[in-house]
């Protein structure tokens, strides 16, 4: 029993092992969520799908300002299945501040909404999310959806195709579907890029024998 315990890899070792599979320069933004459980669910999705970071726009005190403090909150650990410990989360008090921070750091924003229309509207699986080097994906609140400001400052408005009588999904479910498709595309792109770089390095290091 003791031997099995020692041979089991630590969580830190596992985190280091999967680090290369994370989608770099990809941030999920949750705008004015009403329910702490939805924050926990999205952070869990962020971690499971390999999104690099999560930003939360809220003026509620149920979410601490500091990530280190978030990590010690038992409630957040429980509802996020401990993902809060392994995924960086940053809090902003308003949409303008969050957008400003993203834009100063070169991020392009896309918003998600089942019915709201933006400047360019796309069906989730029909868009290419690899053309943006730095991408922020916004999810609106459960009650009012995405804000007009976030919509105005985004390049795409993404919707999930639905074919039932009920054309709506809860925030946790919709974020999981959207982030799965976006991380799938960006991870495949990253892998192809790494493969090309490896081939170039191998070609450069190969020196033909002198005749």
N, C-alpha and C. Protein backbone atom coordinates (compact mmCIF):
# COMPACT_ATOMS: atom_id res chain seq x y z
N UNK A 1 0.83 -1.21 0.00
CA UNK A 1 0.00 0.00 0.00
C UNK A 1 0.86 1.25 0.00
N UNK A 2 1.89 1.25 0.83
CA UNK A 2 2.80 2.38 0.92
C UNK A 2 3.55 2.57 -0.38
N UNK A 3 3.91 1.43 -1.01
CA UNK A 3 4.64 1.50 -2.27
C UNK A 3 3.78 2.12 -3.37
N UNK A 4 2.48 1.74 -3.41
CA UNK A 4 1.57 2.31 -4.39
C UNK A 4 1.40 3.80 -4.19
N UNK A 5 1.35 4.19 -2.91
CA UNK A 5 1.18 5.60 -2.59
C UNK A 5 2.37 6.41 -3.08
N UNK A 6 3.57 5.87 -2.92
CA UNK A 6 4.77 6.57 -3.34
C UNK A 6 4.88 6.64 -4.85
N UNK A 7 4.40 5.60 -5.55
CA UNK A 7 4.54 5.54 -6.99
C UNK A 7 3.51 6.39 -7.72
N UNK A 8 2.46 6.77 -7.02
CA UNK A 8 1.42 7.58 -7.64
C UNK A 8 1.95 8.99 -7.89
N UNK A 9 1.85 9.49 -9.15
CA UNK A 9 2.39 10.83 -9.44
C UNK A 9 1.63 11.91 -8.68
N UNK A 10 2.33 12.92 -8.26
CA UNK A 10 1.71 14.02 -7.53
C UNK A 10 0.91 14.89 -8.49
N UNK A 11 0.02 15.70 -7.92
CA UNK A 11 -0.76 16.62 -8.74
C UNK A 11 0.14 17.63 -9.43
N UNK A 12 1.20 18.05 -8.76
CA UNK A 12 2.15 18.99 -9.35
C UNK A 12 2.84 18.38 -10.56
N UNK A 13 3.23 17.12 -10.44
CA UNK A 13 3.87 16.44 -11.56
C UNK A 13 2.91 16.32 -12.73
N UNK A 14 1.65 16.05 -12.43
CA UNK A 14 0.64 15.94 -13.49
C UNK A 14 0.43 17.30 -14.16
N UNK A 15 0.40 18.36 -13.34
CA UNK A 15 0.22 19.70 -13.88
C UNK A 15 1.36 20.07 -14.82
N UNK A 16 2.58 19.71 -14.43
CA UNK A 16 3.74 19.98 -15.28
C UNK A 16 3.68 19.19 -16.58
N UNK A 17 3.16 17.97 -16.49
CA UNK A 17 3.10 17.09 -17.66
C UNK A 17 2.12 17.60 -18.70
N UNK A 18 0.99 18.16 -18.26
CA UNK A 18 -0.05 18.60 -19.20
C UNK A 18 0.11 20.06 -19.61
N UNK A 19 1.14 20.72 -19.09
CA UNK A 19 1.33 22.16 -19.36
C UNK A 19 1.44 22.46 -20.85
N UNK A 20 2.10 21.59 -21.59
CA UNK A 20 2.30 21.82 -23.02
C UNK A 20 1.01 21.71 -23.83
N UNK A 21 -0.03 21.12 -23.24
CA UNK A 21 -1.29 20.96 -23.95
C UNK A 21 -2.25 22.14 -23.71
N UNK A 22 -1.84 23.06 -22.84
CA UNK A 22 -2.68 24.21 -22.56
C UNK A 22 -2.69 25.15 -23.76
N UNK A 23 -3.84 25.77 -24.01
CA UNK A 23 -3.97 26.71 -25.12
C UNK A 23 -3.47 28.08 -24.67
N UNK A 24 -2.31 28.44 -25.14
CA UNK A 24 -1.70 29.70 -24.73
C UNK A 24 -2.46 30.89 -25.34
N UNK A 25 -2.44 31.99 -24.60
CA UNK A 25 -3.07 33.23 -25.05
C UNK A 25 -4.57 33.06 -25.33
N UNK A 26 -5.22 32.25 -24.49
CA UNK A 26 -6.66 32.07 -24.57
C UNK A 26 -7.26 32.32 -23.19
N UNK A 27 -8.19 33.26 -23.11
CA UNK A 27 -8.80 33.64 -21.84
C UNK A 27 -10.32 33.53 -21.94
N UNK A 28 -10.94 32.94 -20.94
CA UNK A 28 -12.41 32.92 -20.84
C UNK A 28 -12.83 34.04 -19.90
N UNK A 29 -13.77 34.87 -20.34
CA UNK A 29 -14.24 36.00 -19.53
C UNK A 29 -15.70 35.78 -19.16
N UNK A 30 -15.98 35.84 -17.87
CA UNK A 30 -17.35 35.69 -17.37
C UNK A 30 -17.82 37.07 -16.93
N UNK A 31 -18.86 37.59 -17.59
CA UNK A 31 -19.30 38.96 -17.33
C UNK A 31 -20.53 38.99 -16.43
N UNK A 32 -20.37 39.58 -15.27
CA UNK A 32 -21.43 39.77 -14.29
C UNK A 32 -22.26 38.51 -14.00
N UNK A 33 -21.61 37.42 -13.61
CA UNK A 33 -22.37 36.22 -13.25
C UNK A 33 -23.16 36.46 -11.97
N UNK A 34 -24.36 35.88 -11.91
CA UNK A 34 -25.22 36.05 -10.74
C UNK A 34 -25.00 34.96 -9.70
N UNK A 35 -24.46 33.85 -10.13
CA UNK A 35 -24.41 32.66 -9.29
C UNK A 35 -22.96 32.18 -9.15
N UNK A 36 -22.49 32.06 -7.93
CA UNK A 36 -21.12 31.60 -7.69
C UNK A 36 -20.90 30.20 -8.25
N UNK A 37 -21.97 29.40 -8.30
CA UNK A 37 -21.83 28.04 -8.83
C UNK A 37 -21.46 28.06 -10.30
N UNK A 38 -22.00 29.02 -11.03
CA UNK A 38 -21.64 29.12 -12.45
C UNK A 38 -20.19 29.52 -12.64
N UNK A 39 -19.69 30.39 -11.77
CA UNK A 39 -18.27 30.74 -11.83
C UNK A 39 -17.43 29.48 -11.62
N UNK A 40 -17.79 28.70 -10.61
CA UNK A 40 -17.06 27.47 -10.32
C UNK A 40 -17.09 26.49 -11.48
N UNK A 41 -18.26 26.36 -12.12
CA UNK A 41 -18.41 25.44 -13.25
C UNK A 41 -17.54 25.88 -14.43
N UNK A 42 -17.54 27.17 -14.73
CA UNK A 42 -16.75 27.66 -15.86
C UNK A 42 -15.26 27.53 -15.57
N UNK A 43 -14.85 27.80 -14.35
CA UNK A 43 -13.43 27.62 -14.00
C UNK A 43 -13.05 26.14 -14.15
N UNK A 44 -13.96 25.26 -13.80
CA UNK A 44 -13.72 23.82 -13.99
C UNK A 44 -13.57 23.50 -15.47
N UNK A 45 -14.44 24.07 -16.32
CA UNK A 45 -14.33 23.90 -17.77
C UNK A 45 -13.01 24.45 -18.29
N UNK A 46 -12.63 25.61 -17.81
CA UNK A 46 -11.38 26.25 -18.21
C UNK A 46 -10.19 25.33 -17.94
N UNK A 47 -10.17 24.76 -16.75
CA UNK A 47 -9.07 23.87 -16.40
C UNK A 47 -9.09 22.58 -17.20
N UNK A 48 -10.27 21.96 -17.29
CA UNK A 48 -10.37 20.66 -17.97
C UNK A 48 -10.04 20.76 -19.45
N UNK A 49 -10.38 21.88 -20.09
CA UNK A 49 -10.19 22.02 -21.52
C UNK A 49 -8.88 22.70 -21.89
N UNK A 50 -8.11 23.13 -20.91
CA UNK A 50 -6.79 23.68 -21.19
C UNK A 50 -6.79 25.14 -21.60
N UNK A 51 -7.79 25.91 -21.14
CA UNK A 51 -7.79 27.35 -21.37
C UNK A 51 -6.76 27.96 -20.41
N UNK A 52 -6.03 28.96 -20.87
CA UNK A 52 -4.91 29.46 -20.05
C UNK A 52 -5.38 30.19 -18.79
N UNK A 53 -6.41 31.06 -18.91
CA UNK A 53 -6.83 31.88 -17.77
C UNK A 53 -8.33 32.11 -17.79
N UNK A 54 -8.86 32.56 -16.66
CA UNK A 54 -10.26 32.99 -16.58
C UNK A 54 -10.30 34.37 -15.94
N UNK A 55 -11.08 35.26 -16.54
CA UNK A 55 -11.33 36.58 -15.97
C UNK A 55 -12.81 36.64 -15.56
N UNK A 56 -13.07 37.27 -14.44
CA UNK A 56 -14.44 37.41 -13.96
C UNK A 56 -14.73 38.89 -13.75
N UNK A 57 -15.77 39.40 -14.42
CA UNK A 57 -16.20 40.79 -14.24
C UNK A 57 -17.36 40.78 -13.25
N UNK A 58 -17.15 41.31 -12.07
CA UNK A 58 -18.20 41.35 -11.07
C UNK A 58 -17.87 42.36 -9.99
N UNK A 59 -18.90 42.98 -9.44
CA UNK A 59 -18.70 43.87 -8.29
C UNK A 59 -19.19 43.21 -7.01
N UNK A 60 -19.57 41.93 -7.09
CA UNK A 60 -20.01 41.19 -5.91
C UNK A 60 -18.82 40.83 -5.03
N UNK A 61 -19.07 40.79 -3.75
CA UNK A 61 -18.01 40.46 -2.80
C UNK A 61 -17.85 38.95 -2.61
N UNK A 62 -18.75 38.14 -3.23
CA UNK A 62 -18.62 36.70 -3.03
C UNK A 62 -17.37 36.14 -3.70
N UNK A 63 -16.75 36.94 -4.59
CA UNK A 63 -15.48 36.53 -5.21
C UNK A 63 -14.38 37.48 -4.75
N UNK A 64 -13.36 36.98 -4.05
CA UNK A 64 -12.28 37.85 -3.59
C UNK A 64 -11.54 38.50 -4.76
N UNK A 65 -10.86 39.60 -4.50
CA UNK A 65 -10.10 40.28 -5.55
C UNK A 65 -8.81 39.53 -5.89
N UNK A 66 -8.27 38.83 -4.94
CA UNK A 66 -6.96 38.20 -5.11
C UNK A 66 -7.10 36.70 -5.38
N UNK A 67 -6.37 36.22 -6.40
CA UNK A 67 -6.45 34.80 -6.76
C UNK A 67 -6.00 33.89 -5.62
N UNK A 68 -4.94 34.29 -4.92
CA UNK A 68 -4.45 33.45 -3.83
C UNK A 68 -5.52 33.27 -2.76
N UNK A 69 -6.29 34.33 -2.53
CA UNK A 69 -7.38 34.20 -1.56
C UNK A 69 -8.50 33.32 -2.11
N UNK A 70 -8.77 33.43 -3.41
CA UNK A 70 -9.78 32.57 -4.03
C UNK A 70 -9.43 31.10 -3.82
N UNK A 71 -8.15 30.80 -3.94
CA UNK A 71 -7.69 29.40 -3.85
C UNK A 71 -7.92 28.80 -2.47
N UNK A 72 -8.02 29.64 -1.46
CA UNK A 72 -8.19 29.13 -0.10
C UNK A 72 -9.66 29.07 0.32
N UNK A 73 -10.57 29.58 -0.51
CA UNK A 73 -11.98 29.57 -0.18
C UNK A 73 -12.56 28.16 -0.38
N UNK A 74 -13.06 27.59 0.69
CA UNK A 74 -13.57 26.23 0.60
C UNK A 74 -14.72 26.11 -0.39
N UNK A 75 -15.62 27.11 -0.40
CA UNK A 75 -16.76 27.07 -1.30
C UNK A 75 -16.34 27.03 -2.76
N UNK A 76 -15.37 27.89 -3.13
CA UNK A 76 -14.90 27.91 -4.51
C UNK A 76 -14.19 26.63 -4.88
N UNK A 77 -13.44 26.08 -3.94
CA UNK A 77 -12.76 24.81 -4.19
C UNK A 77 -13.75 23.69 -4.44
N UNK A 78 -14.83 23.70 -3.67
CA UNK A 78 -15.83 22.64 -3.81
C UNK A 78 -16.57 22.72 -5.14
N UNK A 79 -17.09 23.90 -5.48
CA UNK A 79 -17.90 24.01 -6.69
C UNK A 79 -17.07 23.95 -7.97
N UNK A 80 -15.78 24.25 -7.88
CA UNK A 80 -14.92 24.16 -9.07
C UNK A 80 -14.17 22.84 -9.13
N UNK A 81 -14.47 21.92 -8.20
CA UNK A 81 -13.77 20.62 -8.11
C UNK A 81 -12.27 20.85 -7.99
N UNK A 82 -11.88 21.88 -7.21
CA UNK A 82 -10.49 22.27 -6.94
C UNK A 82 -9.78 22.88 -8.14
N UNK A 83 -10.50 23.13 -9.25
CA UNK A 83 -9.86 23.72 -10.43
C UNK A 83 -9.33 25.11 -10.13
N UNK A 84 -9.94 25.82 -9.16
CA UNK A 84 -9.49 27.16 -8.81
C UNK A 84 -8.04 27.17 -8.34
N UNK A 85 -7.56 26.04 -7.84
CA UNK A 85 -6.17 25.95 -7.38
C UNK A 85 -5.19 25.89 -8.54
N UNK A 86 -5.67 25.44 -9.71
CA UNK A 86 -4.77 25.15 -10.82
C UNK A 86 -4.99 26.04 -12.03
N UNK A 87 -5.99 26.91 -11.98
CA UNK A 87 -6.27 27.82 -13.09
C UNK A 87 -6.24 29.25 -12.59
N UNK A 88 -5.46 30.10 -13.26
CA UNK A 88 -5.35 31.49 -12.82
C UNK A 88 -6.65 32.23 -13.10
N UNK A 89 -7.14 32.93 -12.09
CA UNK A 89 -8.39 33.70 -12.20
C UNK A 89 -8.12 35.14 -11.76
N UNK A 90 -8.57 36.09 -12.56
CA UNK A 90 -8.41 37.50 -12.25
C UNK A 90 -9.78 38.16 -12.22
N UNK A 91 -9.99 39.02 -11.23
CA UNK A 91 -11.28 39.69 -11.07
C UNK A 91 -11.18 41.15 -11.52
N UNK A 92 -12.21 41.60 -12.23
CA UNK A 92 -12.35 43.01 -12.63
C UNK A 92 -13.70 43.50 -12.11
N UNK A 93 -13.77 44.76 -11.74
CA UNK A 93 -15.00 45.30 -11.17
C UNK A 93 -15.98 45.84 -12.21
N UNK A 94 -15.51 46.03 -13.45
CA UNK A 94 -16.43 46.49 -14.49
C UNK A 94 -15.90 46.07 -15.86
N UNK A 95 -16.79 46.09 -16.85
CA UNK A 95 -16.47 45.62 -18.20
C UNK A 95 -15.41 46.48 -18.87
N UNK A 96 -15.51 47.80 -18.73
CA UNK A 96 -14.55 48.70 -19.37
C UNK A 96 -13.13 48.42 -18.91
N UNK A 97 -12.95 48.21 -17.62
CA UNK A 97 -11.61 47.94 -17.08
C UNK A 97 -11.05 46.63 -17.65
N UNK A 98 -11.90 45.63 -17.74
CA UNK A 98 -11.46 44.34 -18.27
C UNK A 98 -11.10 44.46 -19.75
N UNK A 99 -11.96 45.11 -20.52
CA UNK A 99 -11.68 45.29 -21.95
C UNK A 99 -10.39 46.08 -22.16
N UNK A 100 -10.21 47.13 -21.37
CA UNK A 100 -9.00 47.93 -21.48
C UNK A 100 -7.75 47.11 -21.22
N UNK A 101 -7.80 46.28 -20.18
CA UNK A 101 -6.66 45.41 -19.85
C UNK A 101 -6.37 44.45 -21.00
N UNK A 102 -7.41 43.84 -21.53
CA UNK A 102 -7.22 42.89 -22.64
C UNK A 102 -6.65 43.58 -23.87
N UNK A 103 -7.20 44.73 -24.22
CA UNK A 103 -6.77 45.42 -25.44
C UNK A 103 -5.35 45.95 -25.32
N UNK A 104 -4.97 46.40 -24.14
CA UNK A 104 -3.59 46.86 -23.95
C UNK A 104 -2.60 45.72 -24.11
N UNK A 105 -3.05 44.51 -23.83
CA UNK A 105 -2.17 43.35 -23.95
C UNK A 105 -2.35 42.59 -25.27
N UNK A 106 -3.05 43.22 -26.21
CA UNK A 106 -3.13 42.68 -27.56
C UNK A 106 -4.18 41.60 -27.78
N UNK A 107 -5.15 41.48 -26.87
CA UNK A 107 -6.18 40.44 -27.02
C UNK A 107 -7.36 40.94 -27.86
N UNK A 108 -7.86 40.04 -28.69
CA UNK A 108 -9.08 40.26 -29.47
C UNK A 108 -10.22 39.57 -28.73
N UNK A 109 -11.38 40.22 -28.66
CA UNK A 109 -12.52 39.64 -27.95
C UNK A 109 -13.57 39.10 -28.92
N UNK A 110 -14.14 37.95 -28.54
CA UNK A 110 -15.34 37.44 -29.20
C UNK A 110 -16.36 37.20 -28.10
N UNK A 111 -17.62 37.42 -28.40
CA UNK A 111 -18.67 37.22 -27.41
C UNK A 111 -19.54 36.04 -27.82
N UNK A 112 -20.23 35.47 -26.85
CA UNK A 112 -21.13 34.36 -27.13
C UNK A 112 -22.55 34.77 -26.73
N UNK A 113 -23.49 34.47 -27.62
CA UNK A 113 -24.89 34.79 -27.34
C UNK A 113 -25.79 34.01 -28.28
N UNK A 114 -26.88 33.43 -27.76
CA UNK A 114 -27.78 32.67 -28.63
C UNK A 114 -28.63 33.54 -29.55
N UNK A 115 -28.92 34.76 -29.14
CA UNK A 115 -29.85 35.58 -29.91
C UNK A 115 -29.32 36.97 -30.25
N UNK A 116 -28.50 37.55 -29.39
CA UNK A 116 -27.96 38.90 -29.63
C UNK A 116 -27.11 38.90 -30.89
N UNK A 117 -27.22 39.93 -31.67
CA UNK A 117 -26.45 40.02 -32.90
C UNK A 117 -25.37 41.10 -32.79
N UNK A 118 -24.17 40.76 -33.22
CA UNK A 118 -23.06 41.70 -33.19
C UNK A 118 -22.70 42.14 -34.60
N UNK A 119 -21.50 42.66 -34.75
CA UNK A 119 -21.09 43.14 -36.06
C UNK A 119 -20.92 41.98 -37.06
N UNK A 120 -20.34 40.86 -36.57
CA UNK A 120 -20.18 39.66 -37.38
C UNK A 120 -20.70 38.48 -36.58
N UNK A 121 -21.71 37.81 -37.08
CA UNK A 121 -22.32 36.69 -36.37
C UNK A 121 -21.90 35.38 -37.00
N UNK A 122 -21.49 34.42 -36.18
CA UNK A 122 -21.03 33.14 -36.70
C UNK A 122 -21.61 31.99 -35.88
N UNK A 123 -21.80 30.87 -36.55
CA UNK A 123 -22.14 29.63 -35.86
C UNK A 123 -20.85 29.05 -35.32
N UNK A 124 -20.88 28.53 -34.12
CA UNK A 124 -19.68 28.12 -33.39
C UNK A 124 -18.67 27.36 -34.24
N UNK A 125 -19.08 26.25 -34.86
CA UNK A 125 -18.11 25.39 -35.54
C UNK A 125 -17.73 25.87 -36.94
N UNK A 126 -18.32 26.98 -37.39
CA UNK A 126 -18.02 27.48 -38.73
C UNK A 126 -16.93 28.56 -38.73
N UNK A 127 -16.53 29.01 -37.58
CA UNK A 127 -15.52 30.07 -37.49
C UNK A 127 -14.13 29.48 -37.26
N UNK A 128 -13.12 30.24 -37.64
CA UNK A 128 -11.72 29.86 -37.41
C UNK A 128 -11.18 30.70 -36.25
N UNK A 129 -10.86 30.04 -35.14
CA UNK A 129 -10.40 30.75 -33.94
C UNK A 129 -8.89 30.74 -33.80
N UNK A 130 -8.20 30.27 -34.86
CA UNK A 130 -6.74 30.22 -34.81
C UNK A 130 -6.11 31.45 -35.46
N UNK A 131 -6.93 32.28 -36.09
CA UNK A 131 -6.36 33.45 -36.78
C UNK A 131 -6.05 34.58 -35.80
N UNK A 132 -6.51 34.44 -34.56
CA UNK A 132 -6.24 35.44 -33.53
C UNK A 132 -5.14 34.92 -32.61
N UNK A 133 -4.03 35.63 -32.57
CA UNK A 133 -2.91 35.17 -31.74
C UNK A 133 -3.31 35.18 -30.26
N UNK A 134 -4.02 36.23 -29.84
CA UNK A 134 -4.48 36.35 -28.46
C UNK A 134 -5.99 36.53 -28.47
N UNK A 135 -6.69 35.62 -27.80
CA UNK A 135 -8.15 35.60 -27.90
C UNK A 135 -8.80 35.55 -26.53
N UNK A 136 -9.81 36.41 -26.34
CA UNK A 136 -10.63 36.39 -25.13
C UNK A 136 -12.06 36.04 -25.53
N UNK A 137 -12.63 35.04 -24.87
CA UNK A 137 -13.98 34.57 -25.19
C UNK A 137 -14.90 34.97 -24.05
N UNK A 138 -15.91 35.80 -24.36
CA UNK A 138 -16.79 36.36 -23.34
C UNK A 138 -18.09 35.59 -23.22
N UNK A 139 -18.51 35.39 -21.96
CA UNK A 139 -19.80 34.77 -21.65
C UNK A 139 -20.60 35.75 -20.78
N UNK A 140 -21.81 36.06 -21.21
CA UNK A 140 -22.63 37.02 -20.48
C UNK A 140 -23.33 36.41 -19.29
N UNK A 141 -24.01 37.24 -18.53
CA UNK A 141 -24.69 36.79 -17.32
C UNK A 141 -25.90 35.92 -17.66
N UNK A 142 -26.33 35.14 -16.67
CA UNK A 142 -27.45 34.23 -16.87
C UNK A 142 -28.75 34.98 -17.14
N UNK A 143 -28.89 36.17 -16.56
CA UNK A 143 -30.16 36.89 -16.65
C UNK A 143 -30.27 37.83 -17.84
N UNK A 144 -29.20 38.60 -18.13
CA UNK A 144 -29.30 39.61 -19.20
C UNK A 144 -28.36 39.36 -20.37
N UNK A 145 -27.53 38.34 -20.27
CA UNK A 145 -26.64 38.04 -21.39
C UNK A 145 -25.44 38.97 -21.46
N UNK A 146 -24.89 39.08 -22.65
CA UNK A 146 -23.67 39.87 -22.84
C UNK A 146 -24.02 41.37 -22.87
N UNK A 147 -23.13 42.20 -22.39
CA UNK A 147 -23.39 43.64 -22.34
C UNK A 147 -23.20 44.29 -23.71
N UNK A 148 -23.89 45.42 -23.96
CA UNK A 148 -23.70 46.15 -25.22
C UNK A 148 -22.24 46.59 -25.42
N UNK A 149 -21.55 46.93 -24.33
CA UNK A 149 -20.16 47.37 -24.45
C UNK A 149 -19.26 46.24 -24.92
N UNK A 150 -19.40 45.06 -24.33
CA UNK A 150 -18.59 43.93 -24.76
C UNK A 150 -18.91 43.55 -26.20
N UNK A 151 -20.17 43.63 -26.55
CA UNK A 151 -20.61 43.33 -27.92
C UNK A 151 -19.98 44.30 -28.92
N UNK A 152 -19.99 45.57 -28.55
CA UNK A 152 -19.45 46.61 -29.43
C UNK A 152 -17.95 46.45 -29.66
N UNK A 153 -17.24 45.99 -28.65
CA UNK A 153 -15.77 45.90 -28.74
C UNK A 153 -15.28 44.52 -29.18
N UNK A 154 -16.20 43.66 -29.61
CA UNK A 154 -15.81 42.31 -30.04
C UNK A 154 -15.78 42.23 -31.57
N UNK A 155 -15.07 41.24 -32.08
CA UNK A 155 -14.99 41.07 -33.54
C UNK A 155 -15.98 40.03 -34.04
N UNK A 156 -16.44 39.15 -33.14
CA UNK A 156 -17.39 38.11 -33.52
C UNK A 156 -18.44 37.94 -32.43
N UNK A 157 -19.65 37.56 -32.85
CA UNK A 157 -20.68 37.12 -31.92
C UNK A 157 -21.00 35.67 -32.28
N UNK A 158 -20.66 34.76 -31.38
CA UNK A 158 -20.73 33.33 -31.63
C UNK A 158 -22.01 32.75 -31.03
N UNK A 159 -22.67 31.88 -31.80
CA UNK A 159 -23.83 31.19 -31.24
C UNK A 159 -23.73 29.70 -31.48
N UNK A 160 -24.29 28.93 -30.54
CA UNK A 160 -24.31 27.47 -30.63
C UNK A 160 -25.58 27.07 -31.40
N UNK A 161 -25.46 26.28 -32.46
CA UNK A 161 -26.67 25.86 -33.17
C UNK A 161 -27.53 24.95 -32.30
N UNK A 162 -28.81 25.25 -32.21
CA UNK A 162 -29.74 24.45 -31.41
C UNK A 162 -30.99 24.16 -32.23
N UNK A 163 -31.58 22.99 -32.04
CA UNK A 163 -32.67 22.55 -32.90
C UNK A 163 -33.87 22.05 -32.10
N UNK A 164 -33.94 22.37 -30.83
CA UNK A 164 -35.04 21.93 -30.01
C UNK A 164 -36.07 23.01 -29.80
N UNK A 165 -37.13 22.68 -29.09
CA UNK A 165 -38.14 23.66 -28.72
C UNK A 165 -37.53 24.69 -27.77
N UNK A 166 -36.70 24.21 -26.83
CA UNK A 166 -36.00 25.10 -25.90
C UNK A 166 -34.66 25.48 -26.51
N UNK A 167 -34.52 26.73 -26.91
CA UNK A 167 -33.29 27.18 -27.56
C UNK A 167 -32.43 27.97 -26.58
N UNK A 168 -32.09 27.32 -25.49
CA UNK A 168 -31.20 27.95 -24.52
C UNK A 168 -30.49 26.88 -23.71
N UNK A 169 -29.29 27.20 -23.27
CA UNK A 169 -28.49 26.31 -22.43
C UNK A 169 -28.03 27.10 -21.22
N UNK A 170 -27.81 26.42 -20.10
CA UNK A 170 -27.29 27.16 -18.95
C UNK A 170 -25.84 27.55 -19.20
N UNK A 171 -25.37 28.48 -18.40
CA UNK A 171 -24.05 29.08 -18.63
C UNK A 171 -22.92 28.06 -18.56
N UNK A 172 -23.01 27.14 -17.61
CA UNK A 172 -21.97 26.12 -17.48
C UNK A 172 -21.89 25.23 -18.71
N UNK A 173 -23.06 24.81 -19.21
CA UNK A 173 -23.10 23.94 -20.38
C UNK A 173 -22.62 24.66 -21.64
N UNK A 174 -23.14 25.87 -21.87
CA UNK A 174 -22.77 26.60 -23.09
C UNK A 174 -21.28 26.95 -23.10
N UNK A 175 -20.73 27.31 -21.94
CA UNK A 175 -19.29 27.63 -21.90
C UNK A 175 -18.46 26.40 -22.21
N UNK A 176 -18.89 25.24 -21.74
CA UNK A 176 -18.17 24.01 -22.03
C UNK A 176 -18.17 23.68 -23.51
N UNK A 177 -19.32 23.84 -24.17
CA UNK A 177 -19.43 23.56 -25.61
C UNK A 177 -18.55 24.52 -26.41
N UNK A 178 -18.66 25.81 -26.11
CA UNK A 178 -17.90 26.83 -26.85
C UNK A 178 -16.40 26.64 -26.64
N UNK A 179 -15.99 26.48 -25.40
CA UNK A 179 -14.56 26.36 -25.12
C UNK A 179 -13.98 25.06 -25.68
N UNK A 180 -14.79 24.01 -25.74
CA UNK A 180 -14.30 22.76 -26.34
C UNK A 180 -13.94 22.97 -27.80
N UNK A 181 -14.82 23.61 -28.56
CA UNK A 181 -14.55 23.82 -29.98
C UNK A 181 -13.35 24.74 -30.19
N UNK A 182 -13.28 25.81 -29.41
CA UNK A 182 -12.18 26.76 -29.59
C UNK A 182 -10.84 26.15 -29.18
N UNK A 183 -10.80 25.44 -28.06
CA UNK A 183 -9.54 24.81 -27.65
C UNK A 183 -9.15 23.69 -28.60
N UNK A 184 -10.12 22.97 -29.15
CA UNK A 184 -9.81 21.92 -30.12
C UNK A 184 -9.07 22.50 -31.32
N UNK A 185 -9.62 23.60 -31.86
CA UNK A 185 -8.98 24.23 -33.02
C UNK A 185 -7.59 24.76 -32.67
N UNK A 186 -7.50 25.46 -31.56
CA UNK A 186 -6.22 26.11 -31.23
C UNK A 186 -5.16 25.09 -30.82
N UNK A 187 -5.57 24.01 -30.18
CA UNK A 187 -4.60 22.97 -29.80
C UNK A 187 -4.06 22.26 -31.04
N UNK A 188 -4.94 21.97 -31.99
CA UNK A 188 -4.50 21.34 -33.24
C UNK A 188 -3.54 22.28 -33.98
N UNK A 189 -3.85 23.56 -33.98
CA UNK A 189 -2.97 24.54 -34.62
C UNK A 189 -1.61 24.59 -33.93
N UNK A 190 -1.61 24.62 -32.59
CA UNK A 190 -0.36 24.62 -31.83
C UNK A 190 0.48 23.39 -32.14
N UNK A 191 -0.18 22.23 -32.21
CA UNK A 191 0.54 20.99 -32.49
C UNK A 191 1.16 20.99 -33.89
N UNK A 192 0.43 21.50 -34.88
CA UNK A 192 0.97 21.59 -36.24
C UNK A 192 2.16 22.55 -36.28
N UNK A 193 2.04 23.66 -35.56
CA UNK A 193 3.12 24.64 -35.51
C UNK A 193 4.37 24.05 -34.86
N UNK A 194 4.19 23.33 -33.75
CA UNK A 194 5.32 22.68 -33.08
C UNK A 194 5.99 21.66 -33.99
N UNK A 195 5.18 20.93 -34.74
CA UNK A 195 5.73 19.92 -35.66
C UNK A 195 6.57 20.58 -36.75
N UNK A 196 6.09 21.69 -37.31
CA UNK A 196 6.84 22.40 -38.35
C UNK A 196 8.15 22.95 -37.81
N UNK A 197 8.10 23.50 -36.59
CA UNK A 197 9.32 24.03 -35.97
C UNK A 197 10.34 22.92 -35.74
N UNK A 198 9.85 21.76 -35.29
CA UNK A 198 10.74 20.62 -35.04
C UNK A 198 11.40 20.16 -36.33
N UNK A 199 10.65 20.15 -37.44
CA UNK A 199 11.21 19.74 -38.74
C UNK A 199 12.28 20.73 -39.18
N UNK A 200 12.01 22.03 -39.01
CA UNK A 200 12.99 23.05 -39.39
C UNK A 200 14.28 22.90 -38.60
N UNK A 201 14.14 22.67 -37.29
CA UNK A 201 15.33 22.51 -36.45
C UNK A 201 16.12 21.28 -36.86
N UNK A 202 15.41 20.20 -37.18
CA UNK A 202 16.07 18.97 -37.58
C UNK A 202 16.80 19.16 -38.90
N UNK A 203 16.17 19.91 -39.83
CA UNK A 203 16.77 20.16 -41.13
C UNK A 203 18.02 21.01 -41.00
N UNK A 204 17.96 22.02 -40.13
CA UNK A 204 19.12 22.90 -39.93
C UNK A 204 20.28 22.17 -39.28
N UNK A 205 19.96 21.25 -38.37
CA UNK A 205 21.03 20.56 -37.64
C UNK A 205 21.68 19.46 -38.48
N UNK A 206 21.01 19.06 -39.57
CA UNK A 206 21.55 18.00 -40.41
C UNK A 206 22.61 18.57 -41.36
N UNK A 207 23.77 18.04 -41.28
CA UNK A 207 24.85 18.47 -42.17
C UNK A 207 25.24 17.30 -43.08
N UNK A 208 25.12 17.46 -44.37
CA UNK A 208 25.46 16.35 -45.27
C UNK A 208 26.97 16.05 -45.20
N UNK A 209 27.33 14.79 -45.35
CA UNK A 209 28.76 14.42 -45.28
C UNK A 209 29.55 15.08 -46.39
N UNK A 210 30.78 15.44 -46.08
CA UNK A 210 31.67 16.07 -47.07
C UNK A 210 32.15 15.01 -48.04
N UNK A 211 32.03 15.30 -49.32
CA UNK A 211 32.42 14.33 -50.35
C UNK A 211 33.94 14.16 -50.38
